[in-house]
């Protein structure tokens, strides 16, 4: 019994904070050679824009200027950041759902699956979304929390399992991340380069048993040994501190160079047989590691690179943005969706065009 990903709606805020962050971060590096390296990495990041739900300051400028959210010293605490999450995460999710509804009818929703790792609220964001959409109280809900960048895989995998067990199910899948709520007062190069990657975004998809869009094939997962400290979130009194080691791209490349890991990370599909790649745009160096190690064609990751340029890394929402671009393109006979995240784990699924 196949399950089908019919359409994806996406949404980002209207406040581009990338340039302002680069200027803020650079002046925090006292060592000239570190500042010079940061400049080179920012220029080569492949990111042109990153969007934030944080409002412009009273002076009309970004959150890191004198009138912005991060003007306080010390920076706002976790409670203040979670209050903004409770306000903005449902709103951005509903914007993505509206964009989805412009493409396909959303009547008769039976299940709601929501993934998010950048905030907590109770009643949960799934309940808030269901209430604001006016969904029936009988709709079954699942909240996928704190899985990070591969959470879209977990959410879509869960939707597939639901549809395969209940062919009449109509599953609304939502991924929403507000990464810019978690700026940290770092003065070291590695955490500033990690924060350089992240922006806010939301996506919504409809998964059913009726043919259309992409058929979601078997999921897969694997983990790199001795890599559990390379990617993590630490919950602190001043937000969630992201740790993204500079070793990650090299470790991914080394893993993919191993035939067994590469086979596990593509669900057993031969690389040369794959004609559609939806790779989580975790950063330019990660995309380069995948492309170069697997010897992919020059244009194989164009959709991922376009999402990175326009939005940065939106954690769990990113892969959905990539899949949305591929849905709008030529038919795909044998695709692979692949994301890396805390663990260091690689998770994904196969997909193919329904027609």
C-alpha atoms as a PDB file:
ATOM      1  CA  UNK A   1       0.000   0.000   0.000  1.00  0.00           C
ATOM      2  CA  UNK A   2       1.845   3.134  -1.152  1.00  0.00           C
ATOM      3  CA  UNK A   3       1.546   6.552   0.450  1.00  0.00           C
ATOM      4  CA  UNK A   4       1.774   9.725  -1.607  1.00  0.00           C
ATOM      5  CA  UNK A   5       3.175  13.168  -0.860  1.00  0.00           C
ATOM      6  CA  UNK A   6       0.828  15.342  -2.913  1.00  0.00           C
ATOM      7  CA  UNK A   7       1.995  18.908  -2.383  1.00  0.00           C
ATOM      8  CA  UNK A   8       4.037  21.105  -0.062  1.00  0.00           C
ATOM      9  CA  UNK A   9       3.361  24.668   1.033  1.00  0.00           C
ATOM     10  CA  UNK A  10       6.204  26.756   2.450  1.00  0.00           C
ATOM     11  CA  UNK A  11       6.470  29.994   4.409  1.00  0.00           C
ATOM     12  CA  UNK A  12       9.217  32.234   5.764  1.00  0.00           C
ATOM     13  CA  UNK A  13       8.987  35.510   7.707  1.00  0.00           C
ATOM     14  CA  UNK A  14       9.602  38.805   5.889  1.00  0.00           C
ATOM     15  CA  UNK A  15      12.620  39.932   7.922  1.00  0.00           C
ATOM     16  CA  UNK A  16      15.998  39.105   6.328  1.00  0.00           C
ATOM     17  CA  UNK A  17      18.624  39.077   9.088  1.00  0.00           C
ATOM     18  CA  UNK A  18      21.588  37.468   7.330  1.00  0.00           C
ATOM     19  CA  UNK A  19      23.658  40.585   6.598  1.00  0.00           C
ATOM     20  CA  UNK A  20      23.034  42.052  10.043  1.00  0.00           C
ATOM     21  CA  UNK A  21      24.102  38.819  11.728  1.00  0.00           C
ATOM     22  CA  UNK A  22      27.319  38.638   9.705  1.00  0.00           C
ATOM     23  CA  UNK A  23      28.256  42.164  10.797  1.00  0.00           C
ATOM     24  CA  UNK A  24      27.368  41.420  14.437  1.00  0.00           C
ATOM     25  CA  UNK A  25      29.276  38.142  14.542  1.00  0.00           C
ATOM     26  CA  UNK A  26      32.405  39.468  12.876  1.00  0.00           C
ATOM     27  CA  UNK A  27      32.918  42.231  15.428  1.00  0.00           C
ATOM     28  CA  UNK A  28      32.797  39.658  18.241  1.00  0.00           C
ATOM     29  CA  UNK A  29      35.992  37.993  17.033  1.00  0.00           C
ATOM     30  CA  UNK A  30      38.980  39.677  18.666  1.00  0.00           C
ATOM     31  CA  UNK A  31      41.601  37.598  16.843  1.00  0.00           C
ATOM     32  CA  UNK A  32      42.205  39.149  13.369  1.00  0.00           C
ATOM     33  CA  UNK A  33      42.889  35.824  11.690  1.00  0.00           C
ATOM     34  CA  UNK A  34      39.628  34.435  13.080  1.00  0.00           C
ATOM     35  CA  UNK A  35      37.755  37.470  11.780  1.00  0.00           C
ATOM     36  CA  UNK A  36      39.381  37.011   8.367  1.00  0.00           C
ATOM     37  CA  UNK A  37      38.423  33.317   8.338  1.00  0.00           C
ATOM     38  CA  UNK A  38      34.862  34.184   9.328  1.00  0.00           C
ATOM     39  CA  UNK A  39      34.702  36.647   6.419  1.00  0.00           C
ATOM     40  CA  UNK A  40      35.852  33.956   3.991  1.00  0.00           C
ATOM     41  CA  UNK A  41      33.427  31.376   5.342  1.00  0.00           C
ATOM     42  CA  UNK A  42      30.500  33.806   5.256  1.00  0.00           C
ATOM     43  CA  UNK A  43      31.305  34.737   1.659  1.00  0.00           C
ATOM     44  CA  UNK A  44      31.550  31.060   0.675  1.00  0.00           C
ATOM     45  CA  UNK A  45      28.533  29.883   2.689  1.00  0.00           C
ATOM     46  CA  UNK A  46      26.191  29.778  -0.286  1.00  0.00           C
ATOM     47  CA  UNK A  47      23.646  31.733   1.775  1.00  0.00           C
ATOM     48  CA  UNK A  48      22.219  35.007   0.491  1.00  0.00           C
ATOM     49  CA  UNK A  49      19.260  35.395   2.849  1.00  0.00           C
ATOM     50  CA  UNK A  50      17.997  34.082   6.178  1.00  0.00           C
ATOM     51  CA  UNK A  51      14.640  35.027   7.611  1.00  0.00           C
ATOM     52  CA  UNK A  52      13.563  35.687  11.198  1.00  0.00           C
ATOM     53  CA  UNK A  53      10.236  36.008  13.002  1.00  0.00           C
ATOM     54  CA  UNK A  54      11.869  38.517  15.335  1.00  0.00           C
ATOM     55  CA  UNK A  55      10.415  41.962  14.700  1.00  0.00           C
ATOM     56  CA  UNK A  56      12.508  44.855  13.538  1.00  0.00           C
ATOM     57  CA  UNK A  57      13.677  47.077  16.336  1.00  0.00           C
ATOM     58  CA  UNK A  58      12.130  50.434  17.158  1.00  0.00           C
ATOM     59  CA  UNK A  59      14.725  51.924  14.825  1.00  0.00           C
ATOM     60  CA  UNK A  60      13.553  49.657  12.006  1.00  0.00           C
ATOM     61  CA  UNK A  61      16.732  47.627  12.157  1.00  0.00           C
ATOM     62  CA  UNK A  62      17.546  43.983  12.912  1.00  0.00           C
ATOM     63  CA  UNK A  63      17.286  42.088  16.232  1.00  0.00           C
ATOM     64  CA  UNK A  64      21.015  42.547  16.949  1.00  0.00           C
ATOM     65  CA  UNK A  65      21.010  46.352  16.796  1.00  0.00           C
ATOM     66  CA  UNK A  66      20.487  48.730  19.699  1.00  0.00           C
ATOM     67  CA  UNK A  67      16.671  48.639  19.570  1.00  0.00           C
ATOM     68  CA  UNK A  68      16.307  44.935  18.766  1.00  0.00           C
ATOM     69  CA  UNK A  69      15.355  41.839  20.762  1.00  0.00           C
ATOM     70  CA  UNK A  70      19.008  40.987  21.377  1.00  0.00           C
ATOM     71  CA  UNK A  71      20.032  44.470  22.517  1.00  0.00           C
ATOM     72  CA  UNK A  72      19.789  43.440  26.186  1.00  0.00           C
ATOM     73  CA  UNK A  73      22.873  42.482  28.176  1.00  0.00           C
ATOM     74  CA  UNK A  74      22.655  39.701  29.156  1.00  0.00           C
ATOM     75  CA  UNK A  75      20.612  38.402  26.216  1.00  0.00           C
ATOM     76  CA  UNK A  76      16.953  37.518  26.842  1.00  0.00           C
ATOM     77  CA  UNK A  77      16.331  34.316  28.788  1.00  0.00           C
ATOM     78  CA  UNK A  78      14.714  31.121  27.624  1.00  0.00           C
ATOM     79  CA  UNK A  79      11.284  32.128  28.976  1.00  0.00           C
ATOM     80  CA  UNK A  80      11.215  35.270  26.805  1.00  0.00           C
ATOM     81  CA  UNK A  81      12.301  33.266  23.779  1.00  0.00           C
ATOM     82  CA  UNK A  82       9.662  30.578  24.363  1.00  0.00           C
ATOM     83  CA  UNK A  83       6.982  33.250  24.647  1.00  0.00           C
ATOM     84  CA  UNK A  84       7.922  34.334  21.116  1.00  0.00           C
ATOM     85  CA  UNK A  85       7.919  30.704  19.961  1.00  0.00           C
ATOM     86  CA  UNK A  86       4.364  30.272  21.278  1.00  0.00           C
ATOM     87  CA  UNK A  87       3.334  33.394  19.368  1.00  0.00           C
ATOM     88  CA  UNK A  88       5.130  32.975  16.063  1.00  0.00           C
ATOM     89  CA  UNK A  89       5.506  29.225  15.452  1.00  0.00           C
ATOM     90  CA  UNK A  90       1.746  28.606  15.050  1.00  0.00           C
ATOM     91  CA  UNK A  91       1.379  31.688  12.848  1.00  0.00           C
ATOM     92  CA  UNK A  92       4.195  30.640  10.521  1.00  0.00           C
ATOM     93  CA  UNK A  93       2.829  27.089  10.419  1.00  0.00           C
ATOM     94  CA  UNK A  94      -0.592  28.388   9.397  1.00  0.00           C
ATOM     95  CA  UNK A  95       1.004  30.468   6.635  1.00  0.00           C
ATOM     96  CA  UNK A  96       2.595  27.289   5.242  1.00  0.00           C
ATOM     97  CA  UNK A  97      -0.717  25.434   5.536  1.00  0.00           C
ATOM     98  CA  UNK A  98      -2.440  28.253   3.644  1.00  0.00           C
ATOM     99  CA  UNK A  99       0.167  27.925   0.891  1.00  0.00           C
ATOM    100  CA  UNK A 100      -0.521  24.180   0.800  1.00  0.00           C
ATOM    101  CA  UNK A 101      -4.260  24.797   0.654  1.00  0.00           C
ATOM    102  CA  UNK A 102      -3.740  26.990  -2.408  1.00  0.00           C
ATOM    103  CA  UNK A 103      -2.486  23.860  -4.196  1.00  0.00           C
ATOM    104  CA  UNK A 104      -4.761  21.084  -2.953  1.00  0.00           C
ATOM    105  CA  UNK A 105      -7.972  20.652  -0.948  1.00  0.00           C
ATOM    106  CA  UNK A 106      -7.368  20.079   2.764  1.00  0.00           C
ATOM    107  CA  UNK A 107     -10.794  18.803   3.727  1.00  0.00           C
ATOM    108  CA  UNK A 108     -11.215  15.616   5.737  1.00  0.00           C
ATOM    109  CA  UNK A 109      -7.893  15.727   7.594  1.00  0.00           C
ATOM    110  CA  UNK A 110      -7.703  12.683   9.881  1.00  0.00           C
ATOM    111  CA  UNK A 111      -4.172  12.998  11.286  1.00  0.00           C
ATOM    112  CA  UNK A 112      -1.806  15.852  12.095  1.00  0.00           C
ATOM    113  CA  UNK A 113       1.952  15.302  12.416  1.00  0.00           C
ATOM    114  CA  UNK A 114       4.064  18.268  13.550  1.00  0.00           C
ATOM    115  CA  UNK A 115       7.867  18.404  13.839  1.00  0.00           C
ATOM    116  CA  UNK A 116       9.783  21.146  15.643  1.00  0.00           C
ATOM    117  CA  UNK A 117      12.945  21.349  17.746  1.00  0.00           C
ATOM    118  CA  UNK A 118      13.299  25.080  18.415  1.00  0.00           C
ATOM    119  CA  UNK A 119      10.630  25.550  21.057  1.00  0.00           C
ATOM    120  CA  UNK A 120       8.282  24.050  23.595  1.00  0.00           C
ATOM    121  CA  UNK A 121       4.751  25.036  24.568  1.00  0.00           C
ATOM    122  CA  UNK A 122       1.838  23.216  26.188  1.00  0.00           C
ATOM    123  CA  UNK A 123      -0.842  22.748  25.029  1.00  0.00           C
ATOM    124  CA  UNK A 124       1.415  21.663  22.187  1.00  0.00           C
ATOM    125  CA  UNK A 125       1.893  23.446  18.899  1.00  0.00           C
ATOM    126  CA  UNK A 126      -0.009  20.544  17.300  1.00  0.00           C
ATOM    127  CA  UNK A 127      -3.039  21.371  19.444  1.00  0.00           C
ATOM    128  CA  UNK A 128      -2.724  25.088  18.711  1.00  0.00           C
ATOM    129  CA  UNK A 129      -2.603  24.435  14.960  1.00  0.00           C
ATOM    130  CA  UNK A 130      -5.535  22.010  15.109  1.00  0.00           C
ATOM    131  CA  UNK A 131      -7.638  24.510  17.046  1.00  0.00           C
ATOM    132  CA  UNK A 132      -6.865  27.425  14.745  1.00  0.00           C
ATOM    133  CA  UNK A 133      -7.606  25.308  11.671  1.00  0.00           C
ATOM    134  CA  UNK A 134     -10.883  24.180  13.190  1.00  0.00           C
ATOM    135  CA  UNK A 135      -9.965  20.514  12.824  1.00  0.00           C
ATOM    136  CA  UNK A 136     -12.248  17.910  14.343  1.00  0.00           C
ATOM    137  CA  UNK A 137     -11.409  16.927  17.940  1.00  0.00           C
ATOM    138  CA  UNK A 138     -11.167  13.357  16.627  1.00  0.00           C
ATOM    139  CA  UNK A 139      -8.069  14.171  14.534  1.00  0.00           C
ATOM    140  CA  UNK A 140      -5.137  12.116  15.793  1.00  0.00           C
ATOM    141  CA  UNK A 141      -2.035  14.180  16.547  1.00  0.00           C
ATOM    142  CA  UNK A 142       1.664  13.371  16.739  1.00  0.00           C
ATOM    143  CA  UNK A 143       4.360  15.828  17.837  1.00  0.00           C
ATOM    144  CA  UNK A 144       7.917  15.008  16.712  1.00  0.00           C
ATOM    145  CA  UNK A 145      10.135  17.010  19.040  1.00  0.00           C
ATOM    146  CA  UNK A 146      13.827  17.779  19.253  1.00  0.00           C
ATOM    147  CA  UNK A 147      15.013  15.460  16.475  1.00  0.00           C
ATOM    148  CA  UNK A 148      16.688  18.314  14.613  1.00  0.00           C
ATOM    149  CA  UNK A 149      17.424  18.479  10.908  1.00  0.00           C
ATOM    150  CA  UNK A 150      16.165  15.009   9.963  1.00  0.00           C
ATOM    151  CA  UNK A 151      12.816  15.440  11.732  1.00  0.00           C
ATOM    152  CA  UNK A 152      11.055  15.980   8.382  1.00  0.00           C
ATOM    153  CA  UNK A 153      12.036  12.414   7.529  1.00  0.00           C
ATOM    154  CA  UNK A 154      10.549  11.187  10.804  1.00  0.00           C
ATOM    155  CA  UNK A 155       7.355  13.180  10.204  1.00  0.00           C
ATOM    156  CA  UNK A 156       6.861  11.986   6.620  1.00  0.00           C
ATOM    157  CA  UNK A 157       7.855   8.431   7.593  1.00  0.00           C
ATOM    158  CA  UNK A 158       5.168   8.510  10.302  1.00  0.00           C
ATOM    159  CA  UNK A 159       2.616   9.798   7.790  1.00  0.00           C
ATOM    160  CA  UNK A 160       3.534   6.933   5.467  1.00  0.00           C
ATOM    161  CA  UNK A 161       3.040   4.394   8.265  1.00  0.00           C
ATOM    162  CA  UNK A 162      -0.342   5.925   9.108  1.00  0.00           C
ATOM    163  CA  UNK A 163      -1.572   5.774   5.506  1.00  0.00           C
ATOM    164  CA  UNK A 164      -0.319   2.213   5.045  1.00  0.00           C
ATOM    165  CA  UNK A 165      -2.271   1.144   8.128  1.00  0.00           C
ATOM    166  CA  UNK A 166      -5.361   3.230   7.276  1.00  0.00           C
ATOM    167  CA  UNK A 167      -5.791   3.726   3.496  1.00  0.00           C
ATOM    168  CA  UNK A 168      -8.478   6.373   4.056  1.00  0.00           C
ATOM    169  CA  UNK A 169      -6.213   8.579   6.188  1.00  0.00           C
ATOM    170  CA  UNK A 170      -5.470  12.141   5.109  1.00  0.00           C
ATOM    171  CA  UNK A 171      -2.369  13.278   6.985  1.00  0.00           C
ATOM    172  CA  UNK A 172      -1.344  16.890   7.345  1.00  0.00           C
ATOM    173  CA  UNK A 173       2.405  17.126   8.041  1.00  0.00           C
ATOM    174  CA  UNK A 174       3.892  20.366   9.376  1.00  0.00           C
ATOM    175  CA  UNK A 175       7.526  21.256  10.106  1.00  0.00           C
ATOM    176  CA  UNK A 176       8.283  24.597  11.758  1.00  0.00           C
ATOM    177  CA  UNK A 177      11.521  25.985  13.156  1.00  0.00           C
ATOM    178  CA  UNK A 178      12.393  29.359  14.670  1.00  0.00           C
ATOM    179  CA  UNK A 179      16.153  28.980  14.931  1.00  0.00           C
ATOM    180  CA  UNK A 180      16.790  32.726  15.227  1.00  0.00           C
ATOM    181  CA  UNK A 181      15.224  32.704  18.693  1.00  0.00           C
ATOM    182  CA  UNK A 182      18.438  31.127  19.959  1.00  0.00           C
ATOM    183  CA  UNK A 183      21.249  33.599  19.317  1.00  0.00           C
ATOM    184  CA  UNK A 184      24.078  33.032  21.802  1.00  0.00           C
ATOM    185  CA  UNK A 185      26.685  35.553  23.051  1.00  0.00           C
ATOM    186  CA  UNK A 186      29.572  33.570  21.573  1.00  0.00           C
ATOM    187  CA  UNK A 187      32.983  35.053  20.935  1.00  0.00           C
ATOM    188  CA  UNK A 188      34.569  31.917  19.440  1.00  0.00           C
ATOM    189  CA  UNK A 189      34.736  31.116  15.732  1.00  0.00           C
ATOM    190  CA  UNK A 190      33.039  27.691  15.630  1.00  0.00           C
ATOM    191  CA  UNK A 191      29.725  28.617  17.338  1.00  0.00           C
ATOM    192  CA  UNK A 192      29.488  31.831  15.310  1.00  0.00           C
ATOM    193  CA  UNK A 193      29.956  29.841  12.105  1.00  0.00           C
ATOM    194  CA  UNK A 194      27.248  27.428  13.293  1.00  0.00           C
ATOM    195  CA  UNK A 195      24.795  30.280  13.937  1.00  0.00           C
ATOM    196  CA  UNK A 196      25.649  31.691  10.496  1.00  0.00           C
ATOM    197  CA  UNK A 197      23.742  28.791   8.924  1.00  0.00           C
ATOM    198  CA  UNK A 198      20.327  28.987  10.562  1.00  0.00           C
ATOM    199  CA  UNK A 199      17.069  30.756   9.731  1.00  0.00           C
ATOM    200  CA  UNK A 200      13.324  30.410  10.342  1.00  0.00           C
ATOM    201  CA  UNK A 201      10.804  28.625   8.143  1.00  0.00           C
ATOM    202  CA  UNK A 202       7.781  26.338   8.029  1.00  0.00           C
ATOM    203  CA  UNK A 203       6.411  23.818   5.563  1.00  0.00           C
ATOM    204  CA  UNK A 204       3.198  21.812   5.302  1.00  0.00           C
ATOM    205  CA  UNK A 205       2.427  18.716   3.229  1.00  0.00           C
ATOM    206  CA  UNK A 206      -0.504  16.417   2.544  1.00  0.00           C
ATOM    207  CA  UNK A 207       0.070  12.644   2.554  1.00  0.00           C
ATOM    208  CA  UNK A 208      -2.690  10.210   1.506  1.00  0.00           C
ATOM    209  CA  UNK A 209      -3.156   6.824  -0.144  1.00  0.00           C
ATOM    210  CA  UNK A 210      -4.552   8.393  -3.316  1.00  0.00           C
ATOM    211  CA  UNK A 211      -2.036   8.483  -6.170  1.00  0.00           C
ATOM    212  CA  UNK A 212      -0.419  11.846  -6.909  1.00  0.00           C
ATOM    213  CA  UNK A 213       2.760  13.833  -6.385  1.00  0.00           C
ATOM    214  CA  UNK A 214       5.556  11.633  -5.039  1.00  0.00           C
ATOM    215  CA  UNK A 215       5.108   8.065  -3.842  1.00  0.00           C
ATOM    216  CA  UNK A 216       6.996   7.710  -0.534  1.00  0.00           C
ATOM    217  CA  UNK A 217       8.993   4.486  -0.629  1.00  0.00           C
ATOM    218  CA  UNK A 218      10.710   2.613   2.194  1.00  0.00           C
ATOM    219  CA  UNK A 219      12.482   4.726   4.833  1.00  0.00           C
ATOM    220  CA  UNK A 220      16.022   4.069   6.050  1.00  0.00           C
ATOM    221  CA  UNK A 221      18.331   5.215   8.829  1.00  0.00           C
ATOM    222  CA  UNK A 222      21.921   4.772   9.902  1.00  0.00           C
ATOM    223  CA  UNK A 223      24.395   6.377  12.302  1.00  0.00           C
ATOM    224  CA  UNK A 224      28.075   7.242  12.049  1.00  0.00           C
ATOM    225  CA  UNK A 225      30.007   5.584  14.872  1.00  0.00           C
ATOM    226  CA  UNK A 226      31.544   7.749  17.604  1.00  0.00           C
ATOM    227  CA  UNK A 227      29.854  10.901  16.308  1.00  0.00           C
ATOM    228  CA  UNK A 228      27.216  11.656  18.939  1.00  0.00           C
ATOM    229  CA  UNK A 229      28.873  14.881  20.127  1.00  0.00           C
ATOM    230  CA  UNK A 230      29.245  16.479  16.685  1.00  0.00           C
ATOM    231  CA  UNK A 231      25.721  17.948  16.487  1.00  0.00           C
ATOM    232  CA  UNK A 232      23.662  18.782  19.549  1.00  0.00           C
ATOM    233  CA  UNK A 233      21.353  21.308  21.201  1.00  0.00           C
ATOM    234  CA  UNK A 234      22.075  22.328  24.810  1.00  0.00           C
ATOM    235  CA  UNK A 235      19.130  23.893  26.625  1.00  0.00           C
ATOM    236  CA  UNK A 236      20.438  26.836  28.634  1.00  0.00           C
ATOM    237  CA  UNK A 237      18.985  29.685  30.660  1.00  0.00           C
ATOM    238  CA  UNK A 238      19.415  31.872  27.572  1.00  0.00           C
ATOM    239  CA  UNK A 239      17.888  29.742  24.843  1.00  0.00           C
ATOM    240  CA  UNK A 240      19.043  26.611  23.051  1.00  0.00           C
ATOM    241  CA  UNK A 241      22.754  26.580  22.258  1.00  0.00           C
ATOM    242  CA  UNK A 242      23.506  24.835  18.974  1.00  0.00           C
ATOM    243  CA  UNK A 243      26.761  22.918  18.735  1.00  0.00           C
ATOM    244  CA  UNK A 244      27.663  22.103  15.128  1.00  0.00           C
ATOM    245  CA  UNK A 245      31.211  20.830  14.910  1.00  0.00           C
ATOM    246  CA  UNK A 246      33.401  21.875  12.031  1.00  0.00           C
ATOM    247  CA  UNK A 247      34.233  18.182  11.696  1.00  0.00           C
ATOM    248  CA  UNK A 248      30.748  17.306  10.427  1.00  0.00           C
ATOM    249  CA  UNK A 249      31.334  17.671   6.644  1.00  0.00           C
ATOM    250  CA  UNK A 250      34.540  15.622   6.767  1.00  0.00           C
ATOM    251  CA  UNK A 251      32.903  12.921   8.884  1.00  0.00           C
ATOM    252  CA  UNK A 252      29.967  12.727   6.458  1.00  0.00           C
ATOM    253  CA  UNK A 253      32.382  12.475   3.534  1.00  0.00           C
ATOM    254  CA  UNK A 254      34.356   9.748   5.293  1.00  0.00           C
ATOM    255  CA  UNK A 255      31.151   7.874   6.049  1.00  0.00           C
ATOM    256  CA  UNK A 256      29.866   8.072   2.490  1.00  0.00           C
ATOM    257  CA  UNK A 257      33.244   6.874   1.218  1.00  0.00           C
ATOM    258  CA  UNK A 258      32.538   3.595   3.024  1.00  0.00           C
ATOM    259  CA  UNK A 259      30.467   1.359   0.773  1.00  0.00           C
ATOM    260  CA  UNK A 260      28.355  -0.061   3.610  1.00  0.00           C
ATOM    261  CA  UNK A 261      27.496   3.350   5.050  1.00  0.00           C
ATOM    262  CA  UNK A 262      26.798   4.800   1.597  1.00  0.00           C
ATOM    263  CA  UNK A 263      24.481   1.888   0.841  1.00  0.00           C
ATOM    264  CA  UNK A 264      22.658   2.422   4.140  1.00  0.00           C
ATOM    265  CA  UNK A 265      22.449   6.179   3.523  1.00  0.00           C
ATOM    266  CA  UNK A 266      20.693   5.676   0.177  1.00  0.00           C
ATOM    267  CA  UNK A 267      18.339   2.930   1.299  1.00  0.00           C
ATOM    268  CA  UNK A 268      20.329   0.341  -0.645  1.00  0.00           C
ATOM    269  CA  UNK A 269      19.947   2.130  -3.974  1.00  0.00           C
ATOM    270  CA  UNK A 270      22.943   2.309  -6.319  1.00  0.00           C
ATOM    271  CA  UNK A 271      24.011   5.944  -6.603  1.00  0.00           C
ATOM    272  CA  UNK A 272      24.055   5.809 -10.395  1.00  0.00           C
ATOM    273  CA  UNK A 273      20.388   4.713 -10.432  1.00  0.00           C
ATOM    274  CA  UNK A 274      19.171   7.746  -8.458  1.00  0.00           C
ATOM    275  CA  UNK A 275      17.783  10.525 -10.652  1.00  0.00           C
ATOM    276  CA  UNK A 276      16.429  12.832  -7.943  1.00  0.00           C
ATOM    277  CA  UNK A 277      18.270  14.041  -4.834  1.00  0.00           C
ATOM    278  CA  UNK A 278      16.533  15.851  -1.977  1.00  0.00           C
ATOM    279  CA  UNK A 279      19.440  16.425   0.422  1.00  0.00           C
ATOM    280  CA  UNK A 280      18.939  18.516   3.537  1.00  0.00           C
ATOM    281  CA  UNK A 281      20.703  21.842   2.956  1.00  0.00           C
ATOM    282  CA  UNK A 282      22.603  21.826   6.231  1.00  0.00           C
ATOM    283  CA  UNK A 283      25.363  23.995   4.810  1.00  0.00           C
ATOM    284  CA  UNK A 284      27.402  24.382   1.647  1.00  0.00           C
ATOM    285  CA  UNK A 285      30.230  22.202   2.932  1.00  0.00           C
ATOM    286  CA  UNK A 286      27.801  19.395   3.783  1.00  0.00           C
ATOM    287  CA  UNK A 287      26.280  19.511   0.306  1.00  0.00           C
ATOM    288  CA  UNK A 288      29.772  19.549  -1.185  1.00  0.00           C
ATOM    289  CA  UNK A 289      30.710  16.504   0.911  1.00  0.00           C
ATOM    290  CA  UNK A 290      27.702  14.547  -0.383  1.00  0.00           C
ATOM    291  CA  UNK A 291      28.159  15.627  -3.988  1.00  0.00           C
ATOM    292  CA  UNK A 292      31.905  15.092  -4.187  1.00  0.00           C
ATOM    293  CA  UNK A 293      32.086  11.830  -2.255  1.00  0.00           C
ATOM    294  CA  UNK A 294      29.255  10.199  -4.191  1.00  0.00           C
ATOM    295  CA  UNK A 295      30.521  11.681  -7.503  1.00  0.00           C
ATOM    296  CA  UNK A 296      27.134  13.175  -8.329  1.00  0.00           C
ATOM    297  CA  UNK A 297      26.484  15.224 -11.477  1.00  0.00           C
ATOM    298  CA  UNK A 298      27.126  18.957 -11.162  1.00  0.00           C
ATOM    299  CA  UNK A 299      23.409  19.792 -11.046  1.00  0.00           C
ATOM    300  CA  UNK A 300      22.301  16.921  -8.776  1.00  0.00           C
ATOM    301  CA  UNK A 301      21.914  19.102  -5.668  1.00  0.00           C
ATOM    302  CA  UNK A 302      20.667  22.269  -7.375  1.00  0.00           C
ATOM    303  CA  UNK A 303      17.372  22.204  -5.449  1.00  0.00           C
ATOM    304  CA  UNK A 304      19.199  21.918  -2.120  1.00  0.00           C
ATOM    305  CA  UNK A 305      21.639  24.698  -2.992  1.00  0.00           C
ATOM    306  CA  UNK A 306      18.806  26.976  -4.080  1.00  0.00           C
ATOM    307  CA  UNK A 307      16.998  26.453  -0.763  1.00  0.00           C
ATOM    308  CA  UNK A 308      20.223  27.143   1.154  1.00  0.00           C
ATOM    309  CA  UNK A 309      20.820  30.372  -0.773  1.00  0.00           C
ATOM    310  CA  UNK A 310      17.295  31.671  -0.266  1.00  0.00           C
ATOM    311  CA  UNK A 311      16.705  30.576   3.335  1.00  0.00           C
ATOM    312  CA  UNK A 312      19.768  29.117   5.038  1.00  0.00           C
ATOM    313  CA  UNK A 313      19.353  25.999   7.159  1.00  0.00           C
ATOM    314  CA  UNK A 314      15.828  25.893   8.643  1.00  0.00           C
ATOM    315  CA  UNK A 315      16.452  22.629  10.497  1.00  0.00           C
ATOM    316  CA  UNK A 316      13.519  20.233  10.003  1.00  0.00           C
ATOM    317  CA  UNK A 317      11.712  22.494   7.509  1.00  0.00           C
ATOM    318  CA  UNK A 318      14.641  22.549   5.072  1.00  0.00           C
ATOM    319  CA  UNK A 319      14.151  19.135   3.476  1.00  0.00           C
ATOM    320  CA  UNK A 320      10.484  19.954   2.856  1.00  0.00           C
ATOM    321  CA  UNK A 321      11.512  23.098   0.958  1.00  0.00           C
ATOM    322  CA  UNK A 322      13.832  20.969  -1.203  1.00  0.00           C
ATOM    323  CA  UNK A 323      11.095  18.416  -1.887  1.00  0.00           C
ATOM    324  CA  UNK A 324       8.725  21.254  -2.827  1.00  0.00           C
ATOM    325  CA  UNK A 325      11.175  22.387  -5.520  1.00  0.00           C
ATOM    326  CA  UNK A 326      11.502  18.851  -6.864  1.00  0.00           C
ATOM    327  CA  UNK A 327       7.720  18.401  -6.941  1.00  0.00           C
ATOM    328  CA  UNK A 328       7.568  21.404  -9.276  1.00  0.00           C
ATOM    329  CA  UNK A 329      10.203  19.938 -11.602  1.00  0.00           C
ATOM    330  CA  UNK A 330      10.503  17.066 -14.073  1.00  0.00           C
ATOM    331  CA  UNK A 331       9.286  13.572 -13.109  1.00  0.00           C
ATOM    332  CA  UNK A 332      11.617  11.474 -10.941  1.00  0.00           C
ATOM    333  CA  UNK A 333      11.817   7.708 -11.333  1.00  0.00           C
ATOM    334  CA  UNK A 334      14.088   6.868  -8.410  1.00  0.00           C
ATOM    335  CA  UNK A 335      14.682   9.627  -5.857  1.00  0.00           C
ATOM    336  CA  UNK A 336      16.301   9.747  -2.443  1.00  0.00           C
ATOM    337  CA  UNK A 337      15.537  12.171   0.383  1.00  0.00           C
ATOM    338  CA  UNK A 338      18.443  12.354   2.823  1.00  0.00           C
ATOM    339  CA  UNK A 339      19.092  14.398   5.951  1.00  0.00           C
ATOM    340  CA  UNK A 340      21.807  14.458   8.601  1.00  0.00           C
ATOM    341  CA  UNK A 341      21.337  15.461  12.219  1.00  0.00           C
ATOM    342  CA  UNK A 342      22.092  14.781  15.878  1.00  0.00           C
ATOM    343  CA  UNK A 343      23.613  11.393  16.371  1.00  0.00           C
ATOM    344  CA  UNK A 344      25.390  11.875  13.887  1.00  0.00           C
ATOM    345  CA  UNK A 345      22.575  10.089  12.039  1.00  0.00           C
ATOM    346  CA  UNK A 346      21.551   9.909   8.407  1.00  0.00           C
ATOM    347  CA  UNK A 347      17.855   9.326   7.792  1.00  0.00           C
ATOM    348  CA  UNK A 348      15.804   9.312   4.624  1.00  0.00           C
ATOM    349  CA  UNK A 349      13.399   7.571   2.285  1.00  0.00           C
ATOM    350  CA  UNK A 350      13.003   6.765  -1.373  1.00  0.00           C
ATOM    351  CA  UNK A 351      10.506   8.593  -3.550  1.00  0.00           C
ATOM    352  CA  UNK A 352       9.291   8.600  -7.123  1.00  0.00           C
ATOM    353  CA  UNK A 353       6.822  10.542  -9.213  1.00  0.00           C
ATOM    354  CA  UNK A 354       3.355   9.005  -9.214  1.00  0.00           C
ATOM    355  CA  UNK A 355       2.779   9.656 -12.904  1.00  0.00           C
END
